Amino acid sequence: MPQRDQLPDHLLMLAGTTVCTGISTLLAFLLARLDMSAPYLAFVPAIALCCLLSGLRAGLVAAILSALSLWYFMIPPPGFALPDRSDAGHLLVFLAVAAALCWIIDFQRRSNDQLAQENFELGYKVSLLRTFRSLRETAQR
C-alpha cells in the first residue's frame, strides 16, 4: 500500500530544494567573478542531488527554481525582463537537459528499489528452501 505524502514532507522537500538552488546561485556568482562563463553548470549538481535524495518532483522543482534564478540573476538585462532569443534558447535547453537528468535518476532510483524488493523476496525464498531441505534431511535419518 503506497504511503500518502504529507504536508511536512512537501515543505521539507521544498525547503531543501530551495537551499540547494540558493547555494548553486552563490556558486554561479562565484564562477562569474572568476570570469568563468558557465553559470548553468553550477546548478546541475543541485538538481541531481535533489532528485536523488527526494525524487523526481524535487528534481523538477530544483530545475525550475534554477532556471528562474538563471533568468533573474545571470541573463541580461537584470530581473525578469524578456531575454533575447539565444539566452531564451539556452534556458530551454537547460530545462530540457535538467528534466532528462531527473528522469534518468528517478528511473535508476525506482529500478534500485524494485531490485532491493526482489532481493528481499529471493532471500526469503532461499531461507524457506534451506529450512525445508534441513527438515527433509532430518526426516530421512
Protein backbone atom coordinates (compact mmCIF):
# COMPACT_ATOMS: atom_id res chain seq x y z
CA MET A 1 0.00 0.00 0.00
CA PRO A 2 1.64 3.27 -1.03
CA GLN A 3 2.21 5.82 1.71
CA ARG A 4 0.45 9.13 1.26
CA ASP A 5 2.59 12.23 1.06
CA GLN A 6 2.09 14.62 3.92
CA LEU A 7 2.39 18.40 4.07
CA PRO A 8 5.51 18.43 6.32
CA ASP A 9 7.27 16.15 3.83
CA HIS A 10 6.42 18.52 0.97
CA LEU A 11 7.55 21.56 2.94
CA LEU A 12 10.82 19.87 3.89
CA MET A 13 11.40 18.87 0.27
CA LEU A 14 10.69 22.42 -0.90
CA ALA A 15 12.99 23.90 1.75
CA GLY A 16 15.82 21.55 0.85
CA THR A 17 15.35 22.24 -2.84
CA THR A 18 15.36 25.99 -2.24
CA VAL A 19 18.54 25.78 -0.14
CA CYS A 20 20.31 23.70 -2.81
CA THR A 21 19.27 26.14 -5.52
CA GLY A 22 20.40 29.09 -3.39
CA ILE A 23 23.82 27.53 -2.85
CA SER A 24 24.06 26.91 -6.58
CA THR A 25 23.19 30.54 -7.25
CA LEU A 26 26.00 31.65 -4.96
CA LEU A 27 28.35 29.24 -6.73
CA ALA A 28 27.29 30.67 -10.09
CA PHE A 29 28.06 34.19 -8.81
CA LEU A 30 31.46 32.99 -7.63
CA LEU A 31 32.17 31.42 -11.02
CA ALA A 32 31.12 34.65 -12.74
CA ARG A 33 33.51 36.65 -10.55
CA LEU A 34 36.29 34.27 -11.58
CA ASP A 35 35.47 35.05 -15.24
CA MET A 36 34.07 31.59 -15.96
CA SER A 37 31.11 31.91 -18.26
CA ALA A 38 29.30 28.69 -17.38
CA PRO A 39 26.60 29.61 -14.86
CA TYR A 40 24.41 26.71 -15.97
CA LEU A 41 26.90 24.15 -14.71
CA ALA A 42 26.63 25.36 -11.13
CA PHE A 43 23.00 24.22 -10.98
CA VAL A 44 23.37 20.69 -12.34
CA PRO A 45 24.73 19.13 -9.09
CA ALA A 46 21.92 20.70 -7.06
CA ILE A 47 19.29 19.34 -9.44
CA ALA A 48 20.87 15.88 -9.39
CA LEU A 49 21.18 15.89 -5.59
CA CYS A 50 17.58 16.99 -5.06
CA CYS A 51 16.32 14.34 -7.45
CA LEU A 52 18.50 11.65 -5.92
CA LEU A 53 17.50 12.40 -2.34
CA SER A 54 13.85 13.44 -2.71
CA GLY A 55 12.64 12.10 -6.04
CA LEU A 56 11.54 13.31 -9.43
CA ARG A 57 9.25 16.05 -8.15
CA ALA A 58 12.04 17.68 -6.11
CA GLY A 59 14.43 17.47 -9.05
CA LEU A 60 11.96 19.17 -11.36
CA VAL A 61 11.25 21.87 -8.77
CA ALA A 62 15.02 22.41 -8.44
CA ALA A 63 15.29 22.68 -12.23
CA ILE A 64 12.53 25.28 -12.40
CA LEU A 65 13.99 27.27 -9.50
CA SER A 66 17.41 27.09 -11.14
CA ALA A 67 16.03 28.36 -14.44
CA LEU A 68 14.28 31.22 -12.65
CA SER A 69 17.48 32.06 -10.78
CA LEU A 70 19.48 32.00 -14.00
CA TRP A 71 16.91 34.18 -15.72
CA TYR A 72 16.74 36.71 -12.89
CA PHE A 73 20.42 36.97 -11.91
CA MET A 74 22.58 35.82 -14.83
CA ILE A 75 20.84 36.74 -18.06
CA PRO A 76 20.96 40.40 -19.07
CA PRO A 77 19.05 42.65 -18.61
CA PRO A 78 18.76 42.07 -14.84
CA GLY A 79 15.42 40.95 -13.49
CA PHE A 80 12.67 39.11 -15.28
CA ALA A 81 12.91 41.21 -18.44
CA LEU A 82 12.50 39.23 -21.64
CA PRO A 83 15.84 37.76 -22.71
CA ASP A 84 16.98 37.69 -26.32
CA ARG A 85 16.44 34.57 -28.42
CA SER A 86 19.81 32.97 -27.74
CA ASP A 87 19.50 33.32 -23.96
CA ALA A 88 15.94 32.01 -24.05
CA GLY A 89 17.16 29.08 -26.14
CA HIS A 90 19.90 28.38 -23.60
CA LEU A 91 17.33 28.38 -20.81
CA LEU A 92 15.06 25.99 -22.71
CA VAL A 93 17.96 23.63 -23.47
CA PHE A 94 19.00 23.81 -19.81
CA LEU A 95 15.47 22.89 -18.71
CA ALA A 96 15.33 20.01 -21.21
CA VAL A 97 18.68 18.61 -20.04
CA ALA A 98 17.68 19.03 -16.39
CA ALA A 99 14.38 17.22 -16.98
CA ALA A 100 16.19 14.38 -18.78
CA LEU A 101 18.68 14.15 -15.91
CA CYS A 102 15.84 13.99 -13.40
CA TRP A 103 14.06 11.31 -15.40
CA ILE A 104 17.22 9.16 -15.60
CA ILE A 105 17.93 9.50 -11.87
CA ASP A 106 14.31 8.71 -10.98
CA PHE A 107 14.37 5.65 -13.26
CA GLN A 108 17.55 4.48 -11.52
CA ARG A 109 16.00 5.04 -8.07
CA ARG A 110 12.90 3.08 -8.99
CA SER A 111 14.95 0.25 -10.50
CA ASN A 112 17.12 0.05 -7.38
CA ASP A 113 14.07 -0.02 -5.13
CA GLN A 114 12.49 -2.78 -7.20
CA LEU A 115 15.74 -4.76 -7.20
CA ALA A 116 16.03 -4.42 -3.41
CA GLN A 117 12.48 -5.70 -3.01
CA GLU A 118 13.15 -8.64 -5.31
CA ASN A 119 16.40 -9.44 -3.45
CA PHE A 120 14.48 -9.46 -0.18
CA GLU A 121 11.89 -11.84 -1.61
CA LEU A 122 14.59 -14.06 -3.05
CA GLY A 123 16.37 -14.21 0.31
CA TYR A 124 13.12 -15.22 1.97
CA LYS A 125 12.55 -17.98 -0.58
CA VAL A 126 16.11 -19.29 -0.19
CA SER A 127 15.64 -19.31 3.58
CA LEU A 128 12.45 -21.33 3.20
CA LEU A 129 14.12 -23.76 0.82
CA ARG A 130 17.01 -24.29 3.25
CA THR A 131 14.55 -24.89 6.08
CA PHE A 132 12.60 -27.45 4.04
CA ARG A 133 15.84 -29.12 2.95
CA SER A 134 17.10 -29.43 6.51
CA LEU A 135 13.70 -30.77 7.61
CA ARG A 136 13.76 -33.33 4.80
CA GLU A 137 17.29 -34.43 5.69
CA THR A 138 16.37 -34.87 9.36
CA ALA A 139 13.26 -36.82 8.38
CA GLN A 140 15.28 -39.18 6.17
CA ARG A 141 17.65 -40.09 9.06
